[in-house]
PDB file of N, CA and C in Angstrom:
ATOM      1  N   UNK A   1      -8.089  10.352 -12.437  1.00  0.00           N
ATOM      2  CA  UNK A   1      -7.743  11.379 -13.356  1.00  0.00           C
ATOM      3  C   UNK A   1      -6.438  11.855 -13.230  1.00  0.00           C
ATOM      4  N   UNK A   2      -5.508  11.550 -13.972  1.00  0.00           N
ATOM      5  CA  UNK A   2      -3.940  11.868 -13.772  1.00  0.00           C
ATOM      6  C   UNK A   2      -3.755  13.419 -13.574  1.00  0.00           C
ATOM      7  N   UNK A   3      -4.487  14.114 -14.335  1.00  0.00           N
ATOM      8  CA  UNK A   3      -4.343  15.611 -14.438  1.00  0.00           C
ATOM      9  C   UNK A   3      -5.259  16.437 -13.331  1.00  0.00           C
ATOM     10  N   UNK A   4      -6.225  15.532 -12.804  1.00  0.00           N
ATOM     11  CA  UNK A   4      -7.228  16.213 -12.077  1.00  0.00           C
ATOM     12  C   UNK A   4      -6.559  16.614 -10.451  1.00  0.00           C
ATOM     13  N   UNK A   5      -6.969  17.629  -9.901  1.00  0.00           N
ATOM     14  CA  UNK A   5      -6.693  17.785  -8.648  1.00  0.00           C
ATOM     15  C   UNK A   5      -7.165  16.879  -7.584  1.00  0.00           C
ATOM     16  N   UNK A   6      -6.589  16.419  -6.556  1.00  0.00           N
ATOM     17  CA  UNK A   6      -7.073  15.501  -5.821  1.00  0.00           C
ATOM     18  C   UNK A   6      -7.775  15.948  -4.619  1.00  0.00           C
ATOM     19  N   UNK A   7      -8.851  15.306  -4.373  1.00  0.00           N
ATOM     20  CA  UNK A   7      -9.745  15.865  -3.264  1.00  0.00           C
ATOM     21  C   UNK A   7      -9.496  15.022  -1.914  1.00  0.00           C
ATOM     22  N   UNK A   8      -8.766  13.928  -1.770  1.00  0.00           N
ATOM     23  CA  UNK A   8      -8.369  13.430  -0.637  1.00  0.00           C
ATOM     24  C   UNK A   8      -7.325  12.424  -0.764  1.00  0.00           C
ATOM     25  N   UNK A   9      -6.669  12.154   0.489  1.00  0.00           N
ATOM     26  CA  UNK A   9      -5.346  11.416   0.444  1.00  0.00           C
ATOM     27  C   UNK A   9      -5.732   9.905   1.061  1.00  0.00           C
ATOM     28  N   UNK A  10      -5.742   9.242   0.193  1.00  0.00           N
ATOM     29  CA  UNK A  10      -6.086   7.663   0.585  1.00  0.00           C
ATOM     30  C   UNK A  10      -4.827   6.885   0.913  1.00  0.00           C
ATOM     31  N   UNK A  11      -4.991   6.113   2.055  1.00  0.00           N
ATOM     32  CA  UNK A  11      -3.979   5.270   2.621  1.00  0.00           C
ATOM     33  C   UNK A  11      -4.467   3.785   2.913  1.00  0.00           C
ATOM     34  N   UNK A  12      -3.730   2.955   3.106  1.00  0.00           N
ATOM     35  CA  UNK A  12      -4.096   1.593   3.551  1.00  0.00           C
ATOM     36  C   UNK A  12      -4.365   0.737   2.552  1.00  0.00           C
ATOM     37  N   UNK A  13      -4.375  -0.474   3.094  1.00  0.00           N
ATOM     38  CA  UNK A  13      -4.100  -1.721   2.150  1.00  0.00           C
ATOM     39  C   UNK A  13      -3.505  -1.749   1.023  1.00  0.00           C
ATOM     40  N   UNK A  14      -3.910  -1.589  -0.512  1.00  0.00           N
ATOM     41  CA  UNK A  14      -3.449  -1.589  -1.541  1.00  0.00           C
ATOM     42  C   UNK A  14      -2.229  -0.447  -1.599  1.00  0.00           C
ATOM     43  N   UNK A  15      -2.496   0.558  -1.161  1.00  0.00           N
ATOM     44  CA  UNK A  15      -1.756   1.916  -1.105  1.00  0.00           C
ATOM     45  C   UNK A  15      -0.640   1.696  -0.226  1.00  0.00           C
ATOM     46  N   UNK A  16      -0.599   0.885   0.942  1.00  0.00           N
ATOM     47  CA  UNK A  16       0.474   0.480   1.729  1.00  0.00           C
ATOM     48  C   UNK A  16       1.771  -0.090   1.243  1.00  0.00           C
ATOM     49  N   UNK A  17       1.544  -0.868  -0.396  1.00  0.00           N
ATOM     50  CA  UNK A  17       2.277  -1.361  -0.991  1.00  0.00           C
ATOM     51  C   UNK A  17       3.315  -0.686  -2.054  1.00  0.00           C
ATOM     52  N   UNK A  18       2.430  -0.038  -2.629  1.00  0.00           N
ATOM     53  CA  UNK A  18       2.531   0.907  -3.602  1.00  0.00           C
ATOM     54  C   UNK A  18       2.083   2.297  -3.776  1.00  0.00           C
ATOM     55  N   UNK A  19       2.722   3.549  -3.751  1.00  0.00           N
ATOM     56  CA  UNK A  19       1.828   4.665  -3.893  1.00  0.00           C
ATOM     57  C   UNK A  19       1.350   4.816  -5.341  1.00  0.00           C
ATOM     58  N   UNK A  20       1.266   4.135  -6.100  1.00  0.00           N
ATOM     59  CA  UNK A  20       1.043   4.272  -7.682  1.00  0.00           C
ATOM     60  C   UNK A  20       0.471   2.759  -8.185  1.00  0.00           C
ATOM     61  N   UNK A  21      -0.490   2.130  -7.201  1.00  0.00           N
ATOM     62  CA  UNK A  21      -1.062   0.807  -7.540  1.00  0.00           C
ATOM     63  C   UNK A  21      -1.605   0.753  -8.981  1.00  0.00           C
ATOM     64  N   UNK A  22      -2.164   1.916  -9.564  1.00  0.00           N
ATOM     65  CA  UNK A  22      -3.031   1.789 -10.906  1.00  0.00           C
ATOM     66  C   UNK A  22      -1.938   1.698 -12.058  1.00  0.00           C
ATOM     67  N   UNK A  23      -0.727   2.410 -11.816  1.00  0.00           N
ATOM     68  CA  UNK A  23       0.272   2.683 -12.956  1.00  0.00           C
ATOM     69  C   UNK A  23       0.982   1.259 -12.794  1.00  0.00           C
ATOM     70  N   UNK A  24       1.333   0.778 -11.526  1.00  0.00           N
ATOM     71  CA  UNK A  24       2.097  -0.582 -11.342  1.00  0.00           C
ATOM     72  C   UNK A  24       1.306  -1.658 -12.114  1.00  0.00           C
ATOM     73  N   UNK A  25      -0.181  -1.582 -11.803  1.00  0.00           N
ATOM     74  CA  UNK A  25      -0.920  -2.656 -12.615  1.00  0.00           C
ATOM     75  C   UNK A  25      -0.890  -2.635 -14.046  1.00  0.00           C
ATOM     76  N   UNK A  26      -0.939  -1.487 -14.595  1.00  0.00           N
ATOM     77  CA  UNK A  26      -0.582  -1.127 -16.076  1.00  0.00           C
ATOM     78  C   UNK A  26       0.582  -2.067 -16.410  1.00  0.00           C
ATOM     79  N   UNK A  27       1.694  -1.496 -15.616  1.00  0.00           N
ATOM     80  CA  UNK A  27       3.029  -2.134 -16.144  1.00  0.00           C
ATOM     81  C   UNK A  27       3.145  -3.696 -15.797  1.00  0.00           C
ATOM     82  N   UNK A  28       2.448  -4.328 -14.958  1.00  0.00           N
ATOM     83  CA  UNK A  28       2.382  -5.848 -14.758  1.00  0.00           C
ATOM     84  C   UNK A  28       1.716  -6.257 -15.897  1.00  0.00           C
ATOM     85  N   UNK A  29       0.649  -5.686 -16.336  1.00  0.00           N
ATOM     86  CA  UNK A  29      -0.175  -6.158 -17.534  1.00  0.00           C
ATOM     87  C   UNK A  29       0.731  -6.145 -18.662  1.00  0.00           C
ATOM     88  N   UNK A  30       1.575  -5.069 -19.107  1.00  0.00           N
ATOM     89  CA  UNK A  30       2.382  -5.112 -20.277  1.00  0.00           C
ATOM     90  C   UNK A  30       3.437  -6.270 -19.911  1.00  0.00           C
ATOM     91  N   UNK A  31       3.890  -6.490 -18.779  1.00  0.00           N
ATOM     92  CA  UNK A  31       4.936  -7.409 -18.655  1.00  0.00           C
ATOM     93  C   UNK A  31       4.449  -8.715 -18.619  1.00  0.00           C
ATOM     94  N   UNK A  32       3.187  -9.042 -18.444  1.00  0.00           N
ATOM     95  CA  UNK A  32       2.432 -10.243 -18.722  1.00  0.00           C
ATOM     96  C   UNK A  32       2.373 -10.494 -20.327  1.00  0.00           C
ATOM     97  N   UNK A  33       2.005  -9.417 -21.050  1.00  0.00           N
ATOM     98  CA  UNK A  33       2.009  -9.631 -22.583  1.00  0.00           C
ATOM     99  C   UNK A  33       3.471  -9.866 -22.921  1.00  0.00           C
ATOM    100  N   UNK A  34       4.369  -9.274 -22.561  1.00  0.00           N
ATOM    101  CA  UNK A  34       5.631  -9.525 -23.044  1.00  0.00           C
ATOM    102  C   UNK A  34       6.068 -10.823 -23.015  1.00  0.00           C
ATOM    103  N   UNK A  35       5.729 -11.246 -21.594  1.00  0.00           N
ATOM    104  CA  UNK A  35       6.307 -12.603 -21.393  1.00  0.00           C
ATOM    105  C   UNK A  35       5.471 -13.695 -22.601  1.00  0.00           C
ATOM    106  N   UNK A  36       4.263 -13.398 -22.559  1.00  0.00           N
ATOM    107  CA  UNK A  36       3.432 -14.157 -23.540  1.00  0.00           C
ATOM    108  C   UNK A  36       3.879 -14.116 -24.941  1.00  0.00           C
ATOM    109  N   UNK A  37       4.551 -13.051 -25.389  1.00  0.00           N
ATOM    110  CA  UNK A  37       5.034 -12.853 -26.722  1.00  0.00           C
ATOM    111  C   UNK A  37       6.243 -13.661 -27.027  1.00  0.00           C
ATOM    112  N   UNK A  38       7.121 -13.910 -25.838  1.00  0.00           N
ATOM    113  CA  UNK A  38       8.078 -14.850 -25.857  1.00  0.00           C
ATOM    114  C   UNK A  38       9.263 -14.173 -26.479  1.00  0.00           C
ATOM    115  N   UNK A  39       9.341 -12.850 -26.915  1.00  0.00           N
ATOM    116  CA  UNK A  39      10.629 -12.334 -27.446  1.00  0.00           C
ATOM    117  C   UNK A  39      11.110 -11.214 -26.608  1.00  0.00           C
ATOM    118  N   UNK A  40      12.200 -10.716 -26.945  1.00  0.00           N
ATOM    119  CA  UNK A  40      12.757  -9.390 -25.953  1.00  0.00           C
ATOM    120  C   UNK A  40      12.374  -8.085 -26.360  1.00  0.00           C
ATOM    121  N   UNK A  41      11.826  -7.944 -27.735  1.00  0.00           N
ATOM    122  CA  UNK A  41      11.284  -6.708 -27.872  1.00  0.00           C
ATOM    123  C   UNK A  41      10.117  -6.041 -27.042  1.00  0.00           C
ATOM    124  N   UNK A  42       9.154  -6.929 -26.730  1.00  0.00           N
ATOM    125  CA  UNK A  42       8.155  -6.214 -25.873  1.00  0.00           C
ATOM    126  C   UNK A  42       8.397  -5.767 -24.662  1.00  0.00           C
ATOM    127  N   UNK A  43       9.731  -6.237 -24.015  1.00  0.00           N
ATOM    128  CA  UNK A  43      10.061  -5.921 -22.805  1.00  0.00           C
ATOM    129  C   UNK A  43      10.644  -4.404 -22.802  1.00  0.00           C
ATOM    130  N   UNK A  44      10.884  -3.816 -23.991  1.00  0.00           N
ATOM    131  CA  UNK A  44      11.376  -2.508 -24.327  1.00  0.00           C
ATOM    132  C   UNK A  44       9.980  -1.654 -23.981  1.00  0.00           C
ATOM    133  N   UNK A  45       9.107  -2.129 -24.395  1.00  0.00           N
ATOM    134  CA  UNK A  45       7.823  -1.266 -24.239  1.00  0.00           C
ATOM    135  C   UNK A  45       7.613  -1.017 -22.939  1.00  0.00           C
ATOM    136  N   UNK A  46       7.621  -2.187 -22.221  1.00  0.00           N
ATOM    137  CA  UNK A  46       7.309  -2.161 -20.566  1.00  0.00           C
ATOM    138  C   UNK A  46       8.331  -1.076 -19.843  1.00  0.00           C
ATOM    139  N   UNK A  47       9.500  -1.063 -20.416  1.00  0.00           N
ATOM    140  CA  UNK A  47      10.542  -0.300 -19.533  1.00  0.00           C
ATOM    141  C   UNK A  47      10.193   1.290 -20.341  1.00  0.00           C
ATOM    142  N   UNK A  48      10.005   1.717 -21.445  1.00  0.00           N
ATOM    143  CA  UNK A  48       9.679   2.906 -21.854  1.00  0.00           C
ATOM    144  C   UNK A  48       8.181   3.119 -21.215  1.00  0.00           C
ATOM    145  N   UNK A  49       7.423   2.510 -21.285  1.00  0.00           N
ATOM    146  CA  UNK A  49       5.958   2.873 -20.090  1.00  0.00           C
ATOM    147  C   UNK A  49       6.470   3.212 -18.857  1.00  0.00           C
ATOM    148  N   UNK A  50       7.043   2.609 -18.101  1.00  0.00           N
ATOM    149  CA  UNK A  50       7.523   2.929 -16.805  1.00  0.00           C
ATOM    150  C   UNK A  50       8.130   4.182 -16.564  1.00  0.00           C
ATOM    151  N   UNK A  51       9.194   4.300 -17.526  1.00  0.00           N
ATOM    152  CA  UNK A  51       9.906   5.581 -17.589  1.00  0.00           C
ATOM    153  C   UNK A  51       9.084   6.898 -17.793  1.00  0.00           C
ATOM    154  N   UNK A  52       8.199   6.707 -18.694  1.00  0.00           N
ATOM    155  CA  UNK A  52       7.032   7.667 -19.488  1.00  0.00           C
ATOM    156  C   UNK A  52       6.253   8.147 -18.104  1.00  0.00           C
ATOM    157  N   UNK A  53       5.644   7.168 -17.553  1.00  0.00           N
ATOM    158  CA  UNK A  53       4.622   7.111 -16.602  1.00  0.00           C
ATOM    159  C   UNK A  53       5.210   8.177 -15.442  1.00  0.00           C
ATOM    160  N   UNK A  54       6.421   7.684 -14.985  1.00  0.00           N
ATOM    161  CA  UNK A  54       7.190   8.158 -13.798  1.00  0.00           C
ATOM    162  C   UNK A  54       7.380   9.828 -14.116  1.00  0.00           C
ATOM    163  N   UNK A  55       8.050   9.923 -15.140  1.00  0.00           N
ATOM    164  CA  UNK A  55       8.398  11.225 -15.725  1.00  0.00           C
ATOM    165  C   UNK A  55       7.152  12.183 -16.012  1.00  0.00           C
ATOM    166  N   UNK A  56       6.098  11.747 -16.722  1.00  0.00           N
ATOM    167  CA  UNK A  56       5.306  12.616 -17.221  1.00  0.00           C
ATOM    168  C   UNK A  56       3.953  12.825 -15.982  1.00  0.00           C
ATOM    169  N   UNK A  57       3.966  11.518 -15.300  1.00  0.00           N
ATOM    170  CA  UNK A  57       2.433  11.610 -14.708  1.00  0.00           C
ATOM    171  C   UNK A  57       2.971  11.803 -13.073  1.00  0.00           C
ATOM    172  N   UNK A  58       3.564  10.744 -12.531  1.00  0.00           N
ATOM    173  CA  UNK A  58       4.067  10.548 -11.168  1.00  0.00           C
ATOM    174  C   UNK A  58       4.532  11.837 -10.534  1.00  0.00           C
ATOM    175  N   UNK A  59       5.745  12.217 -11.297  1.00  0.00           N
ATOM    176  CA  UNK A  59       6.334  13.436 -10.749  1.00  0.00           C
ATOM    177  C   UNK A  59       5.481  14.590 -10.308  1.00  0.00           C
ATOM    178  N   UNK A  60       4.497  14.894 -11.183  1.00  0.00           N
ATOM    179  CA  UNK A  60       3.539  15.895 -11.500  1.00  0.00           C
ATOM    180  C   UNK A  60       2.465  15.694 -10.060  1.00  0.00           C
ATOM    181  N   UNK A  61       2.148  14.502 -10.224  1.00  0.00           N
ATOM    182  CA  UNK A  61       0.946  14.295  -9.241  1.00  0.00           C
ATOM    183  C   UNK A  61       1.917  14.129  -7.671  1.00  0.00           C
ATOM    184  N   UNK A  62       2.791  13.837  -7.655  1.00  0.00           N
ATOM    185  CA  UNK A  62       3.614  13.840  -6.384  1.00  0.00           C
ATOM    186  C   UNK A  62       3.818  15.356  -5.886  1.00  0.00           C
ATOM    187  N   UNK A  63       3.985  16.158  -6.819  1.00  0.00           N
ATOM    188  CA  UNK A  63       4.346  17.691  -6.309  1.00  0.00           C
ATOM    189  C   UNK A  63       2.799  18.238  -6.113  1.00  0.00           C
ATOM    190  N   UNK A  64       1.608  17.781  -6.688  1.00  0.00           N
ATOM    191  CA  UNK A  64       0.171  18.472  -6.549  1.00  0.00           C
ATOM    192  C   UNK A  64      -0.046  17.941  -5.026  1.00  0.00           C
ATOM    193  N   UNK A  65       0.260  16.677  -4.856  1.00  0.00           N
ATOM    194  CA  UNK A  65      -0.050  16.216  -3.485  1.00  0.00           C
ATOM    195  C   UNK A  65       0.643  16.609  -2.138  1.00  0.00           C
ATOM    196  N   UNK A  66       1.970  17.000  -2.560  1.00  0.00           N
ATOM    197  CA  UNK A  66       2.800  17.456  -1.377  1.00  0.00           C
ATOM    198  C   UNK A  66       2.402  18.791  -1.279  1.00  0.00           C
ATOM    199  N   UNK A  67       1.853  19.933  -2.215  1.00  0.00           N
ATOM    200  CA  UNK A  67       1.441  21.159  -2.055  1.00  0.00           C
ATOM    201  C   UNK A  67       0.219  20.924  -1.529  1.00  0.00           C
ATOM    202  N   UNK A  68      -0.686  20.096  -1.757  1.00  0.00           N
ATOM    203  CA  UNK A  68      -2.095  20.230  -1.053  1.00  0.00           C
ATOM    204  C   UNK A  68      -2.093  19.579   0.460  1.00  0.00           C
ATOM    205  N   UNK A  69      -1.406  18.616   0.478  1.00  0.00           N
ATOM    206  CA  UNK A  69      -1.514  17.779   1.867  1.00  0.00           C
ATOM    207  C   UNK A  69      -0.290  17.952   2.549  1.00  0.00           C
ATOM    208  N   UNK A  70       0.787  18.638   2.247  1.00  0.00           N
ATOM    209  CA  UNK A  70       1.752  18.952   3.250  1.00  0.00           C
ATOM    210  C   UNK A  70       2.446  17.689   3.760  1.00  0.00           C
ATOM    211  N   UNK A  71       2.555  18.022   5.136  1.00  0.00           N
ATOM    212  CA  UNK A  71       3.333  17.189   5.979  1.00  0.00           C
ATOM    213  C   UNK A  71       2.711  15.578   6.066  1.00  0.00           C
ATOM    214  N   UNK A  72       1.351  15.711   6.144  1.00  0.00           N
ATOM    215  CA  UNK A  72       0.672  14.377   5.956  1.00  0.00           C
ATOM    216  C   UNK A  72       1.025  13.347   4.792  1.00  0.00           C
ATOM    217  N   UNK A  73       1.094  14.271   3.598  1.00  0.00           N
ATOM    218  CA  UNK A  73       1.579  13.179   2.377  1.00  0.00           C
ATOM    219  C   UNK A  73       2.983  12.934   2.447  1.00  0.00           C
ATOM    220  N   UNK A  74       3.763  13.820   3.055  1.00  0.00           N
ATOM    221  CA  UNK A  74       5.462  13.558   3.205  1.00  0.00           C
ATOM    222  C   UNK A  74       5.642  12.271   3.924  1.00  0.00           C
ATOM    223  N   UNK A  75       4.785  12.309   5.194  1.00  0.00           N
ATOM    224  CA  UNK A  75       4.803  11.314   6.199  1.00  0.00           C
ATOM    225  C   UNK A  75       4.459   9.838   5.478  1.00  0.00           C
ATOM    226  N   UNK A  76       3.329   9.996   4.521  1.00  0.00           N
ATOM    227  CA  UNK A  76       2.980   8.867   4.041  1.00  0.00           C
ATOM    228  C   UNK A  76       4.014   8.397   2.805  1.00  0.00           C
ATOM    229  N   UNK A  77       4.777   9.301   2.082  1.00  0.00           N
ATOM    230  CA  UNK A  77       5.500   9.232   1.122  1.00  0.00           C
ATOM    231  C   UNK A  77       6.936   8.513   1.755  1.00  0.00           C
ATOM    232  N   UNK A  78       7.324   8.818   2.905  1.00  0.00           N
ATOM    233  CA  UNK A  78       8.406   8.118   3.623  1.00  0.00           C
ATOM    234  C   UNK A  78       8.164   6.556   3.869  1.00  0.00           C
ATOM    235  N   UNK A  79       6.713   6.338   4.050  1.00  0.00           N
ATOM    236  CA  UNK A  79       6.708   5.070   4.548  1.00  0.00           C
ATOM    237  C   UNK A  79       6.081   4.028   3.308  1.00  0.00           C
ATOM    238  N   UNK A  80       5.818   4.499   2.111  1.00  0.00           N
ATOM    239  CA  UNK A  80       5.395   3.788   0.979  1.00  0.00           C
ATOM    240  C   UNK A  80       6.357   4.210  -0.138  1.00  0.00           C
ATOM    241  N   UNK A  81       6.804   2.978  -0.693  1.00  0.00           N
ATOM    242  CA  UNK A  81       7.695   3.094  -1.925  1.00  0.00           C
ATOM    243  C   UNK A  81       6.932   3.434  -3.219  1.00  0.00           C
ATOM    244  N   UNK A  82       7.468   4.251  -3.926  1.00  0.00           N
ATOM    245  CA  UNK A  82       6.667   4.729  -5.244  1.00  0.00           C
ATOM    246  C   UNK A  82       6.222   3.307  -6.252  1.00  0.00           C
ATOM    247  N   UNK A  83       6.964   2.278  -6.264  1.00  0.00           N
ATOM    248  CA  UNK A  83       6.688   1.273  -7.049  1.00  0.00           C
ATOM    249  C   UNK A  83       6.148  -0.079  -6.167  1.00  0.00           C
ATOM    250  N   UNK A  84       7.113  -0.759  -5.753  1.00  0.00           N
ATOM    251  CA  UNK A  84       6.935  -1.768  -4.766  1.00  0.00           C
ATOM    252  C   UNK A  84       7.825  -1.774  -3.710  1.00  0.00           C
TER     253      UNK A  84
END
């Protein structure tokens, strides 16, 4: 739930590759669909989606996590990239 307050900070496995594996997965699905269509216009949807998700959800979520988990989250944030 993007707008719900986090109850725990999850680390390890998939999370060690990307801080946002769910959003990354959605983006990859859209990228796959764009490739299947075989034209350039669907790639615009992928770019718009990724920008929208980052500005609308990720920035807000990261601020909430930083406020709630403080240094623990900041340490994890330094080790794991936002996307890949």
